[in-house]
Structures are given as structure tokens and as C-alpha cells.
């Protein structure tokens, strides 16, 4: 299955989400492993039962949510503050979602919403 990563940016937030054919617990575990390997990201709050991770990267607040859409269908969403004048935030958020997709073996592409 190919995952279409939806990307949206508003004045204050940007988000990327993708629906995956994978069990929610597996997606959440891969997300935790991925985040643990990013030295610039600090996990500030984690709720395993809700599959929610809140983080900081510099002054940017980031949240990652894994939501079950069915027994083997999962939505992965990442939302971040928009930092004024910060370059590369779009690429960073898409890279994180893409990296999780890669580790799950899901082909993916970006679909931008305007």
C-alpha cells in the first residue's frame, strides 16, 4: 500500500498525516524508536495508552499521535508549531513521517493541502 502523506501549514501550525496498513501498536513503537534516535528532540510527555508523544525541538512544540482506524489501519499525525523565520521545518516534519513509513515498509508520497 502506498501512503499519501497529507501536509498542511497554517499561520501557527503545520501538520503531516498518513493512513497506514499497520497495527497501531507497531506504528507507535516505530515512532518511539525513531524519536529516540533524534538527538535534537526532547520528549516532554508520553501517553502510551493514547499513543501520544509530545516533544520539543529547540523552541518548537511537536506532537505525534497514532490513531487506530481499524484493526490493521492506522493514522499517524505529526503537528508542529511554526517558528518565525525557521528554515527547514516542512522538510523536518515530512522527513519524520517518511522515516516512520520507511521503517514500516510503506511506500509514500506527499500530498500538499492548500
PDB file of N, CA and C in Angstrom:
ATOM      1  N   UNK A   1       0.834  -1.182   0.000  1.00  0.00           N
ATOM      2  CA  UNK A   1       0.000   0.000   0.000  1.00  0.00           C
ATOM      3  C   UNK A   1       0.876   1.241   0.000  1.00  0.00           C
ATOM      4  N   UNK A   2       0.506   2.228  -0.778  1.00  0.00           N
ATOM      5  CA  UNK A   2       1.231   3.491  -0.820  1.00  0.00           C
ATOM      6  C   UNK A   2       0.505   4.492   0.057  1.00  0.00           C
ATOM      7  N   UNK A   3       1.243   5.119   0.972  1.00  0.00           N
ATOM      8  CA  UNK A   3       0.655   6.109   1.867  1.00  0.00           C
ATOM      9  C   UNK A   3       0.827   7.501   1.306  1.00  0.00           C
ATOM     10  N   UNK A   4      -0.273   8.220   1.213  1.00  0.00           N
ATOM     11  CA  UNK A   4      -0.224   9.621   0.809  1.00  0.00           C
ATOM     12  C   UNK A   4      -0.087  10.480   2.048  1.00  0.00           C
ATOM     13  N   UNK A   5       1.056  11.111   2.222  1.00  0.00           N
ATOM     14  CA  UNK A   5       1.287  11.969   3.386  1.00  0.00           C
ATOM     15  C   UNK A   5       0.676  13.329   3.079  1.00  0.00           C
ATOM     16  N   UNK A   6      -0.354  13.695   3.830  1.00  0.00           N
ATOM     17  CA  UNK A   6      -1.001  14.995   3.662  1.00  0.00           C
ATOM     18  C   UNK A   6      -0.245  16.014   4.494  1.00  0.00           C
ATOM     19  N   UNK A   7       0.119  17.130   3.867  1.00  0.00           N
ATOM     20  CA  UNK A   7       0.851  18.190   4.557  1.00  0.00           C
ATOM     21  C   UNK A   7       0.023  19.460   4.493  1.00  0.00           C
ATOM     22  N   UNK A   8      -0.077  20.152   5.630  1.00  0.00           N
ATOM     23  CA  UNK A   8      -0.826  21.400   5.697  1.00  0.00           C
ATOM     24  C   UNK A   8      -0.080  22.374   6.601  1.00  0.00           C
ATOM     25  N   UNK A   9      -0.047  23.634   6.190  1.00  0.00           N
ATOM     26  CA  UNK A   9       0.582  24.662   7.014  1.00  0.00           C
ATOM     27  C   UNK A   9      -0.360  25.840   7.152  1.00  0.00           C
ATOM     28  N   UNK A  10      -0.556  26.270   8.408  1.00  0.00           N
ATOM     29  CA  UNK A  10      -1.342  27.460   8.686  1.00  0.00           C
ATOM     30  C   UNK A  10      -0.394  28.520   9.246  1.00  0.00           C
ATOM     31  N   UNK A  11      -0.926  29.585   9.744  1.00  0.00           N
ATOM     32  CA  UNK A  11      -0.103  30.657  10.297  1.00  0.00           C
ATOM     33  C   UNK A  11       0.690  30.199  11.516  1.00  0.00           C
ATOM     34  N   UNK A  12       0.093  29.341  12.338  1.00  0.00           N
ATOM     35  CA  UNK A  12       0.727  28.965  13.605  1.00  0.00           C
ATOM     36  C   UNK A  12       1.156  27.501  13.706  1.00  0.00           C
ATOM     37  N   UNK A  13       0.608  26.643  12.849  1.00  0.00           N
ATOM     38  CA  UNK A  13       0.912  25.216  12.938  1.00  0.00           C
ATOM     39  C   UNK A  13       1.136  24.617  11.559  1.00  0.00           C
ATOM     40  N   UNK A  14       1.825  23.511  11.562  1.00  0.00           N
ATOM     41  CA  UNK A  14       1.932  22.708  10.360  1.00  0.00           C
ATOM     42  C   UNK A  14       1.738  21.259  10.767  1.00  0.00           C
ATOM     43  N   UNK A  15       1.185  20.478   9.851  1.00  0.00           N
ATOM     44  CA  UNK A  15       0.922  19.093  10.199  1.00  0.00           C
ATOM     45  C   UNK A  15       1.120  18.193   8.995  1.00  0.00           C
ATOM     46  N   UNK A  16       1.426  16.950   9.308  1.00  0.00           N
ATOM     47  CA  UNK A  16       1.541  15.913   8.292  1.00  0.00           C
ATOM     48  C   UNK A  16       0.850  14.682   8.854  1.00  0.00           C
ATOM     49  N   UNK A  17       0.066  14.021   8.012  1.00  0.00           N
ATOM     50  CA  UNK A  17      -0.599  12.797   8.458  1.00  0.00           C
ATOM     51  C   UNK A  17      -0.639  11.802   7.314  1.00  0.00           C
ATOM     52  N   UNK A  18      -0.719  10.544   7.687  1.00  0.00           N
ATOM     53  CA  UNK A  18      -0.763   9.472   6.706  1.00  0.00           C
ATOM     54  C   UNK A  18      -1.545   8.303   7.297  1.00  0.00           C
ATOM     55  N   UNK A  19      -2.344   7.647   6.469  1.00  0.00           N
ATOM     56  CA  UNK A  19      -3.036   6.421   6.861  1.00  0.00           C
ATOM     57  C   UNK A  19      -2.203   5.242   6.386  1.00  0.00           C
ATOM     58  N   UNK A  20      -1.982   4.292   7.282  1.00  0.00           N
ATOM     59  CA  UNK A  20      -1.100   3.162   7.012  1.00  0.00           C
ATOM     60  C   UNK A  20      -1.809   1.837   7.242  1.00  0.00           C
ATOM     61  N   UNK A  21      -1.441   0.846   6.482  1.00  0.00           N
ATOM     62  CA  UNK A  21      -1.897  -0.509   6.752  1.00  0.00           C
ATOM     63  C   UNK A  21      -0.873  -1.132   7.692  1.00  0.00           C
ATOM     64  N   UNK A  22      -1.124  -0.936   8.966  1.00  0.00           N
ATOM     65  CA  UNK A  22      -0.243  -1.446  10.022  1.00  0.00           C
ATOM     66  C   UNK A  22      -1.007  -1.343  11.327  1.00  0.00           C
ATOM     67  N   UNK A  23      -0.661  -2.205  12.259  1.00  0.00           N
ATOM     68  CA  UNK A  23      -1.321  -2.168  13.552  1.00  0.00           C
ATOM     69  C   UNK A  23      -0.856  -0.944  14.339  1.00  0.00           C
ATOM     70  N   UNK A  24      -1.779  -0.279  15.048  1.00  0.00           N
ATOM     71  CA  UNK A  24      -1.437   0.933  15.792  1.00  0.00           C
ATOM     72  C   UNK A  24      -0.276   0.759  16.762  1.00  0.00           C
ATOM     73  N   UNK A  25      -0.232  -0.354  17.482  1.00  0.00           N
ATOM     74  CA  UNK A  25       0.863  -0.564  18.432  1.00  0.00           C
ATOM     75  C   UNK A  25       2.211  -0.613  17.729  1.00  0.00           C
ATOM     76  N   UNK A  26       2.252  -1.203  16.548  1.00  0.00           N
ATOM     77  CA  UNK A  26       3.503  -1.287  15.776  1.00  0.00           C
ATOM     78  C   UNK A  26       3.934   0.099  15.302  1.00  0.00           C
ATOM     79  N   UNK A  27       2.991   0.888  14.803  1.00  0.00           N
ATOM     80  CA  UNK A  27       3.300   2.253  14.339  1.00  0.00           C
ATOM     81  C   UNK A  27       3.830   3.081  15.508  1.00  0.00           C
ATOM     82  N   UNK A  28       3.181   2.986  16.661  1.00  0.00           N
ATOM     83  CA  UNK A  28       3.603   3.742  17.847  1.00  0.00           C
ATOM     84  C   UNK A  28       5.005   3.326  18.287  1.00  0.00           C
ATOM     85  N   UNK A  29       5.287   2.028  18.286  1.00  0.00           N
ATOM     86  CA  UNK A  29       6.606   1.537  18.687  1.00  0.00           C
ATOM     87  C   UNK A  29       7.691   2.048  17.739  1.00  0.00           C
ATOM     88  N   UNK A  30       7.421   2.012  16.445  1.00  0.00           N
ATOM     89  CA  UNK A  30       8.391   2.512  15.464  1.00  0.00           C
ATOM     90  C   UNK A  30       8.584   4.015  15.638  1.00  0.00           C
ATOM     91  N   UNK A  31       7.513   4.741  15.933  1.00  0.00           N
ATOM     92  CA  UNK A  31       7.624   6.186  16.177  1.00  0.00           C
ATOM     93  C   UNK A  31       8.513   6.458  17.391  1.00  0.00           C
ATOM     94  N   UNK A  32       8.320   5.721  18.463  1.00  0.00           N
ATOM     95  CA  UNK A  32       9.164   5.880  19.662  1.00  0.00           C
ATOM     96  C   UNK A  32      10.629   5.615  19.352  1.00  0.00           C
ATOM     97  N   UNK A  33      10.898   4.544  18.610  1.00  0.00           N
ATOM     98  CA  UNK A  33      12.271   4.200  18.243  1.00  0.00           C
ATOM     99  C   UNK A  33      12.894   5.290  17.370  1.00  0.00           C
ATOM    100  N   UNK A  34      12.107   5.815  16.439  1.00  0.00           N
ATOM    101  CA  UNK A  34      12.593   6.862  15.537  1.00  0.00           C
ATOM    102  C   UNK A  34      12.945   8.123  16.317  1.00  0.00           C
ATOM    103  N   UNK A  35      12.058   8.529  17.212  1.00  0.00           N
ATOM    104  CA  UNK A  35      12.282   9.738  18.017  1.00  0.00           C
ATOM    105  C   UNK A  35      13.491   9.577  18.929  1.00  0.00           C
ATOM    106  N   UNK A  36      13.664   8.393  19.484  1.00  0.00           N
ATOM    107  CA  UNK A  36      14.796   8.143  20.385  1.00  0.00           C
ATOM    108  C   UNK A  36      16.136   8.348  19.688  1.00  0.00           C
ATOM    109  N   UNK A  37      16.167   8.223  18.367  1.00  0.00           N
ATOM    110  CA  UNK A  37      17.410   8.367  17.612  1.00  0.00           C
ATOM    111  C   UNK A  37      17.649   9.779  17.094  1.00  0.00           C
ATOM    112  N   UNK A  38      16.813  10.738  17.499  1.00  0.00           N
ATOM    113  CA  UNK A  38      16.985  12.129  17.060  1.00  0.00           C
ATOM    114  C   UNK A  38      17.497  12.929  18.255  1.00  0.00           C
ATOM    115  N   UNK A  39      18.774  13.270  18.229  1.00  0.00           N
ATOM    116  CA  UNK A  39      19.401  13.911  19.388  1.00  0.00           C
ATOM    117  C   UNK A  39      18.864  15.307  19.676  1.00  0.00           C
ATOM    118  N   UNK A  40      18.291  15.981  18.688  1.00  0.00           N
ATOM    119  CA  UNK A  40      17.806  17.349  18.894  1.00  0.00           C
ATOM    120  C   UNK A  40      16.369  17.402  19.414  1.00  0.00           C
ATOM    121  N   UNK A  41      15.738  16.249  19.572  1.00  0.00           N
ATOM    122  CA  UNK A  41      14.352  16.193  20.033  1.00  0.00           C
ATOM    123  C   UNK A  41      14.312  15.684  21.472  1.00  0.00           C
ATOM    124  N   UNK A  42      13.553  16.409  22.312  1.00  0.00           N
ATOM    125  CA  UNK A  42      13.379  16.011  23.702  1.00  0.00           C
ATOM    126  C   UNK A  42      11.909  15.649  23.918  1.00  0.00           C
ATOM    127  N   UNK A  43      11.645  14.432  24.360  1.00  0.00           N
ATOM    128  CA  UNK A  43      10.276  14.017  24.677  1.00  0.00           C
ATOM    129  C   UNK A  43       9.891  14.676  25.994  1.00  0.00           C
ATOM    130  N   UNK A  44       8.779  15.421  25.984  1.00  0.00           N
ATOM    131  CA  UNK A  44       8.322  16.125  27.184  1.00  0.00           C
ATOM    132  C   UNK A  44       7.164  15.404  27.868  1.00  0.00           C
ATOM    133  N   UNK A  45       6.411  14.615  27.092  1.00  0.00           N
ATOM    134  CA  UNK A  45       5.277  13.878  27.652  1.00  0.00           C
ATOM    135  C   UNK A  45       4.980  12.705  26.732  1.00  0.00           C
ATOM    136  N   UNK A  46       4.622  11.586  27.358  1.00  0.00           N
ATOM    137  CA  UNK A  46       4.312  10.396  26.582  1.00  0.00           C
ATOM    138  C   UNK A  46       3.127   9.710  27.242  1.00  0.00           C
ATOM    139  N   UNK A  47       2.127   9.334  26.435  1.00  0.00           N
ATOM    140  CA  UNK A  47       0.974   8.598  26.946  1.00  0.00           C
ATOM    141  C   UNK A  47       0.823   7.355  26.079  1.00  0.00           C
ATOM    142  N   UNK A  48       1.350   6.243  26.578  1.00  0.00           N
ATOM    143  CA  UNK A  48       1.345   5.011  25.798  1.00  0.00           C
ATOM    144  C   UNK A  48      -0.067   4.512  25.505  1.00  0.00           C
ATOM    145  N   UNK A  49      -0.993   4.662  26.450  1.00  0.00           N
ATOM    146  CA  UNK A  49      -2.351   4.153  26.227  1.00  0.00           C
ATOM    147  C   UNK A  49      -3.093   4.954  25.152  1.00  0.00           C
ATOM    148  N   UNK A  50      -2.749   6.233  25.016  1.00  0.00           N
ATOM    149  CA  UNK A  50      -3.380   7.074  23.985  1.00  0.00           C
ATOM    150  C   UNK A  50      -2.516   7.189  22.730  1.00  0.00           C
ATOM    151  N   UNK A  51      -1.344   6.540  22.748  1.00  0.00           N
ATOM    152  CA  UNK A  51      -0.405   6.603  21.615  1.00  0.00           C
ATOM    153  C   UNK A  51      -0.086   8.049  21.246  1.00  0.00           C
ATOM    154  N   UNK A  52       0.290   8.826  22.239  1.00  0.00           N
ATOM    155  CA  UNK A  52       0.571  10.253  22.074  1.00  0.00           C
ATOM    156  C   UNK A  52       1.961  10.571  22.612  1.00  0.00           C
ATOM    157  N   UNK A  53       2.730  11.306  21.813  1.00  0.00           N
ATOM    158  CA  UNK A  53       4.063  11.737  22.226  1.00  0.00           C
ATOM    159  C   UNK A  53       4.147  13.247  22.008  1.00  0.00           C
ATOM    160  N   UNK A  54       4.537  13.975  23.048  1.00  0.00           N
ATOM    161  CA  UNK A  54       4.771  15.410  22.932  1.00  0.00           C
ATOM    162  C   UNK A  54       6.258  15.647  23.082  1.00  0.00           C
ATOM    163  N   UNK A  55       6.777  16.556  22.219  1.00  0.00           N
ATOM    164  CA  UNK A  55       8.221  16.781  22.163  1.00  0.00           C
ATOM    165  C   UNK A  55       8.526  18.258  22.003  1.00  0.00           C
ATOM    166  N   UNK A  56       9.788  18.574  22.195  1.00  0.00           N
ATOM    167  CA  UNK A  56      10.327  19.900  21.873  1.00  0.00           C
ATOM    168  C   UNK A  56      11.560  19.698  21.006  1.00  0.00           C
ATOM    169  N   UNK A  57      11.694  20.567  20.031  1.00  0.00           N
ATOM    170  CA  UNK A  57      12.912  20.625  19.231  1.00  0.00           C
ATOM    171  C   UNK A  57      13.269  22.093  19.178  1.00  0.00           C
ATOM    172  N   UNK A  58      14.272  22.480  19.956  1.00  0.00           N
ATOM    173  CA  UNK A  58      14.550  23.899  20.127  1.00  0.00           C
ATOM    174  C   UNK A  58      13.375  24.519  20.878  1.00  0.00           C
ATOM    175  N   UNK A  59      12.773  25.560  20.324  1.00  0.00           N
ATOM    176  CA  UNK A  59      11.597  26.178  20.944  1.00  0.00           C
ATOM    177  C   UNK A  59      10.300  25.672  20.329  1.00  0.00           C
ATOM    178  N   UNK A  60      10.407  24.787  19.358  1.00  0.00           N
ATOM    179  CA  UNK A  60       9.223  24.270  18.648  1.00  0.00           C
ATOM    180  C   UNK A  60       8.581  23.119  19.429  1.00  0.00           C
ATOM    181  N   UNK A  61       7.269  23.220  19.642  1.00  0.00           N
ATOM    182  CA  UNK A  61       6.494  22.135  20.245  1.00  0.00           C
ATOM    183  C   UNK A  61       5.989  21.228  19.133  1.00  0.00           C
ATOM    184  N   UNK A  62       6.117  19.922  19.344  1.00  0.00           N
ATOM    185  CA  UNK A  62       5.707  18.936  18.345  1.00  0.00           C
ATOM    186  C   UNK A  62       4.890  17.859  19.054  1.00  0.00           C
ATOM    187  N   UNK A  63       3.805  17.425  18.413  1.00  0.00           N
ATOM    188  CA  UNK A  63       3.062  16.289  18.961  1.00  0.00           C
ATOM    189  C   UNK A  63       2.886  15.238  17.876  1.00  0.00           C
ATOM    190  N   UNK A  64       2.949  13.984  18.287  1.00  0.00           N
ATOM    191  CA  UNK A  64       2.770  12.850  17.392  1.00  0.00           C
ATOM    192  C   UNK A  64       1.659  11.997  17.974  1.00  0.00           C
ATOM    193  N   UNK A  65       0.693  11.656  17.142  1.00  0.00           N
ATOM    194  CA  UNK A  65      -0.458  10.864  17.571  1.00  0.00           C
ATOM    195  C   UNK A  65      -0.652   9.703  16.616  1.00  0.00           C
ATOM    196  N   UNK A  66      -0.864   8.518  17.181  1.00  0.00           N
ATOM    197  CA  UNK A  66      -1.170   7.323  16.411  1.00  0.00           C
ATOM    198  C   UNK A  66      -2.603   6.938  16.760  1.00  0.00           C
ATOM    199  N   UNK A  67      -3.445   6.860  15.740  1.00  0.00           N
ATOM    200  CA  UNK A  67      -4.867   6.592  15.969  1.00  0.00           C
ATOM    201  C   UNK A  67      -5.299   5.375  15.160  1.00  0.00           C
ATOM    202  N   UNK A  68      -5.962   4.432  15.838  1.00  0.00           N
ATOM    203  CA  UNK A  68      -6.483   3.247  15.161  1.00  0.00           C
ATOM    204  C   UNK A  68      -7.713   3.629  14.346  1.00  0.00           C
ATOM    205  N   UNK A  69      -7.696   3.284  13.064  1.00  0.00           N
ATOM    206  CA  UNK A  69      -8.863   3.475  12.207  1.00  0.00           C
ATOM    207  C   UNK A  69      -9.587   2.147  11.996  1.00  0.00           C
ATOM    208  N   UNK A  70      -8.921   1.070  12.334  1.00  0.00           N
ATOM    209  CA  UNK A  70      -9.441  -0.289  12.212  1.00  0.00           C
ATOM    210  C   UNK A  70      -8.395  -1.213  12.801  1.00  0.00           C
ATOM    211  N   UNK A  71      -8.614  -2.523  12.764  1.00  0.00           N
ATOM    212  CA  UNK A  71      -7.650  -3.451  13.378  1.00  0.00           C
ATOM    213  C   UNK A  71      -6.253  -3.382  12.765  1.00  0.00           C
ATOM    214  N   UNK A  72      -6.161  -3.097  11.473  1.00  0.00           N
ATOM    215  CA  UNK A  72      -4.847  -3.031  10.821  1.00  0.00           C
ATOM    216  C   UNK A  72      -4.665  -1.745  10.023  1.00  0.00           C
ATOM    217  N   UNK A  73      -5.487  -0.753  10.301  1.00  0.00           N
ATOM    218  CA  UNK A  73      -5.361   0.545   9.626  1.00  0.00           C
ATOM    219  C   UNK A  73      -5.142   1.615  10.686  1.00  0.00           C
ATOM    220  N   UNK A  74      -4.125   2.425  10.469  1.00  0.00           N
ATOM    221  CA  UNK A  74      -3.696   3.391  11.469  1.00  0.00           C
ATOM    222  C   UNK A  74      -3.433   4.744  10.827  1.00  0.00           C
ATOM    223  N   UNK A  75      -3.782   5.808  11.551  1.00  0.00           N
ATOM    224  CA  UNK A  75      -3.435   7.157  11.102  1.00  0.00           C
ATOM    225  C   UNK A  75      -2.302   7.664  11.991  1.00  0.00           C
ATOM    226  N   UNK A  76      -1.255   8.147  11.350  1.00  0.00           N
ATOM    227  CA  UNK A  76      -0.119   8.765  12.035  1.00  0.00           C
ATOM    228  C   UNK A  76      -0.176  10.249  11.739  1.00  0.00           C
ATOM    229  N   UNK A  77      -0.207  11.078  12.787  1.00  0.00           N
ATOM    230  CA  UNK A  77      -0.264  12.536  12.614  1.00  0.00           C
ATOM    231  C   UNK A  77       0.843  13.195  13.417  1.00  0.00           C
ATOM    232  N   UNK A  78       1.506  14.174  12.803  1.00  0.00           N
ATOM    233  CA  UNK A  78       2.519  14.964  13.483  1.00  0.00           C
ATOM    234  C   UNK A  78       2.159  16.427  13.282  1.00  0.00           C
ATOM    235  N   UNK A  79       2.084  17.172  14.384  1.00  0.00           N
ATOM    236  CA  UNK A  79       1.757  18.597  14.338  1.00  0.00           C
ATOM    237  C   UNK A  79       2.875  19.359  15.032  1.00  0.00           C
ATOM    238  N   UNK A  80       3.235  20.503  14.460  1.00  0.00           N
ATOM    239  CA  UNK A  80       4.334  21.298  14.986  1.00  0.00           C
ATOM    240  C   UNK A  80       3.967  22.770  14.970  1.00  0.00           C
ATOM    241  N   UNK A  81       4.509  23.514  15.941  1.00  0.00           N
ATOM    242  CA  UNK A  81       4.417  24.967  15.889  1.00  0.00           C
ATOM    243  C   UNK A  81       5.210  25.449  14.693  1.00  0.00           C
ATOM    244  N   UNK A  82       4.822  26.580  14.154  1.00  0.00           N
ATOM    245  CA  UNK A  82       5.597  27.232  13.107  1.00  0.00           C
ATOM    246  C   UNK A  82       6.467  28.279  13.784  1.00  0.00           C
ATOM    247  N   UNK A  83       7.765  28.158  13.593  1.00  0.00           N
ATOM    248  CA  UNK A  83       8.695  29.138  14.157  1.00  0.00           C
ATOM    249  C   UNK A  83       8.965  30.204  13.110  1.00  0.00           C
ATOM    250  N   UNK A  84       8.773  31.434  13.497  1.00  0.00           N
ATOM    251  CA  UNK A  84       9.008  32.554  12.590  1.00  0.00           C
ATOM    252  C   UNK A  84      10.457  32.567  12.129  1.00  0.00           C
ATOM    253  N   UNK A  85      10.649  32.534  10.832  1.00  0.00           N
ATOM    254  CA  UNK A  85      11.980  32.613  10.254  1.00  0.00           C
ATOM    255  C   UNK A  85      12.777  31.318  10.302  1.00  0.00           C
ATOM    256  N   UNK A  86      12.199  30.242  10.826  1.00  0.00           N
ATOM    257  CA  UNK A  86      12.922  28.967  10.892  1.00  0.00           C
ATOM    258  C   UNK A  86      12.854  28.271   9.547  1.00  0.00           C
ATOM    259  N   UNK A  87      13.997  27.909   9.041  1.00  0.00           N
ATOM    260  CA  UNK A  87      14.051  27.216   7.751  1.00  0.00           C
ATOM    261  C   UNK A  87      14.011  25.715   7.977  1.00  0.00           C
ATOM    262  N   UNK A  88      13.458  25.012   7.023  1.00  0.00           N
ATOM    263  CA  UNK A  88      13.511  23.565   7.037  1.00  0.00           C
ATOM    264  C   UNK A  88      12.481  22.857   7.882  1.00  0.00           C
ATOM    265  N   UNK A  89      11.507  23.568   8.436  1.00  0.00           N
ATOM    266  CA  UNK A  89      10.537  22.888   9.292  1.00  0.00           C
ATOM    267  C   UNK A  89       9.656  21.942   8.491  1.00  0.00           C
ATOM    268  N   UNK A  90       9.256  22.349   7.292  1.00  0.00           N
ATOM    269  CA  UNK A  90       8.445  21.472   6.441  1.00  0.00           C
ATOM    270  C   UNK A  90       9.210  20.195   6.135  1.00  0.00           C
ATOM    271  N   UNK A  91      10.443  20.332   5.745  1.00  0.00           N
ATOM    272  CA  UNK A  91      11.253  19.173   5.409  1.00  0.00           C
ATOM    273  C   UNK A  91      11.441  18.264   6.619  1.00  0.00           C
ATOM    274  N   UNK A  92      11.610  18.860   7.804  1.00  0.00           N
ATOM    275  CA  UNK A  92      11.828  18.071   9.018  1.00  0.00           C
ATOM    276  C   UNK A  92      10.593  17.258   9.375  1.00  0.00           C
ATOM    277  N   UNK A  93       9.427  17.869   9.324  1.00  0.00           N
ATOM    278  CA  UNK A  93       8.204  17.146   9.686  1.00  0.00           C
ATOM    279  C   UNK A  93       7.908  16.043   8.673  1.00  0.00           C
ATOM    280  N   UNK A  94       8.113  16.325   7.406  1.00  0.00           N
ATOM    281  CA  UNK A  94       7.884  15.298   6.378  1.00  0.00           C
ATOM    282  C   UNK A  94       8.918  14.181   6.471  1.00  0.00           C
ATOM    283  N   UNK A  95      10.137  14.539   6.823  1.00  0.00           N
ATOM    284  CA  UNK A  95      11.188  13.522   6.972  1.00  0.00           C
ATOM    285  C   UNK A  95      10.860  12.552   8.099  1.00  0.00           C
ATOM    286  N   UNK A  96      10.333  13.062   9.209  1.00  0.00           N
ATOM    287  CA  UNK A  96       9.991  12.188  10.338  1.00  0.00           C
ATOM    288  C   UNK A  96       8.878  11.217   9.962  1.00  0.00           C
ATOM    289  N   UNK A  97       7.823  11.721   9.339  1.00  0.00           N
ATOM    290  CA  UNK A  97       6.724  10.849   8.928  1.00  0.00           C
ATOM    291  C   UNK A  97       7.225   9.856   7.876  1.00  0.00           C
ATOM    292  N   UNK A  98       8.021  10.336   6.932  1.00  0.00           N
ATOM    293  CA  UNK A  98       8.575   9.468   5.900  1.00  0.00           C
ATOM    294  C   UNK A  98       9.477   8.394   6.468  1.00  0.00           C
ATOM    295  N   UNK A  99      10.276   8.750   7.474  1.00  0.00           N
ATOM    296  CA  UNK A  99      11.175   7.782   8.098  1.00  0.00           C
ATOM    297  C   UNK A  99      10.383   6.668   8.787  1.00  0.00           C
ATOM    298  N   UNK A 100       9.298   7.018   9.454  1.00  0.00           N
ATOM    299  CA  UNK A 100       8.450   6.012  10.099  1.00  0.00           C
ATOM    300  C   UNK A 100       7.820   5.112   9.042  1.00  0.00           C
ATOM    301  N   UNK A 101       7.337   5.710   7.951  1.00  0.00           N
ATOM    302  CA  UNK A 101       6.780   4.907   6.844  1.00  0.00           C
ATOM    303  C   UNK A 101       7.826   3.943   6.298  1.00  0.00           C
ATOM    304  N   UNK A 102       9.050   4.441   6.103  1.00  0.00           N
ATOM    305  CA  UNK A 102      10.130   3.592   5.583  1.00  0.00           C
ATOM    306  C   UNK A 102      10.384   2.399   6.499  1.00  0.00           C
ATOM    307  N   UNK A 103      10.452   2.648   7.798  1.00  0.00           N
ATOM    308  CA  UNK A 103      10.723   1.571   8.750  1.00  0.00           C
ATOM    309  C   UNK A 103       9.587   0.553   8.785  1.00  0.00           C
ATOM    310  N   UNK A 104       8.381   0.995   8.443  1.00  0.00           N
ATOM    311  CA  UNK A 104       7.233   0.081   8.395  1.00  0.00           C
ATOM    312  C   UNK A 104       7.095  -0.587   7.029  1.00  0.00           C
ATOM    313  N   UNK A 105       7.948  -0.199   6.073  1.00  0.00           N
ATOM    314  CA  UNK A 105       7.901  -0.779   4.739  1.00  0.00           C
ATOM    315  C   UNK A 105       6.750  -0.263   3.890  1.00  0.00           C
ATOM    316  N   UNK A 106       6.293   0.969   4.162  1.00  0.00           N
ATOM    317  CA  UNK A 106       5.182   1.567   3.424  1.00  0.00           C
ATOM    318  C   UNK A 106       5.727   2.606   2.450  1.00  0.00           C
ATOM    319  N   UNK A 107       5.461   2.403   1.159  1.00  0.00           N
ATOM    320  CA  UNK A 107       5.827   3.423   0.180  1.00  0.00           C
ATOM    321  C   UNK A 107       4.975   4.655   0.453  1.00  0.00           C
ATOM    322  N   UNK A 108       5.521   5.841   0.153  1.00  0.00           N
ATOM    323  CA  UNK A 108       4.786   7.060   0.481  1.00  0.00           C
ATOM    324  C   UNK A 108       5.141   8.187  -0.475  1.00  0.00           C
ATOM    325  N   UNK A 109       4.239   9.154  -0.540  1.00  0.00           N
ATOM    326  CA  UNK A 109       4.472  10.382  -1.296  1.00  0.00           C
ATOM    327  C   UNK A 109       3.725  11.496  -0.592  1.00  0.00           C
ATOM    328  N   UNK A 110       4.071  12.744  -0.891  1.00  0.00           N
ATOM    329  CA  UNK A 110       3.492  13.901  -0.227  1.00  0.00           C
ATOM    330  C   UNK A 110       2.365  14.489  -1.057  1.00  0.00           C
ATOM    331  N   UNK A 111       1.258  14.797  -0.378  1.00  0.00           N
ATOM    332  CA  UNK A 111       0.119  15.475  -0.989  1.00  0.00           C
ATOM    333  C   UNK A 111      -0.083  16.751  -0.177  1.00  0.00           C
ATOM    334  N   UNK A 112       0.198  17.918  -0.789  1.00  0.00           N
ATOM    335  CA  UNK A 112       0.075  19.174  -0.062  1.00  0.00           C
ATOM    336  C   UNK A 112      -1.346  19.720  -0.159  1.00  0.00           C
ATOM    337  N   UNK A 113      -1.863  20.183   0.991  1.00  0.00           N
ATOM    338  CA  UNK A 113      -3.168  20.819   1.025  1.00  0.00           C
ATOM    339  C   UNK A 113      -2.954  22.317   1.074  1.00  0.00           C
ATOM    340  N   UNK A 114      -3.741  23.040   0.325  1.00  0.00           N
ATOM    341  CA  UNK A 114      -3.588  24.498   0.294  1.00  0.00           C
ATOM    342  C   UNK A 114      -4.752  25.173   0.942  1.00  0.00           C
TER     343      UNK A 114
END
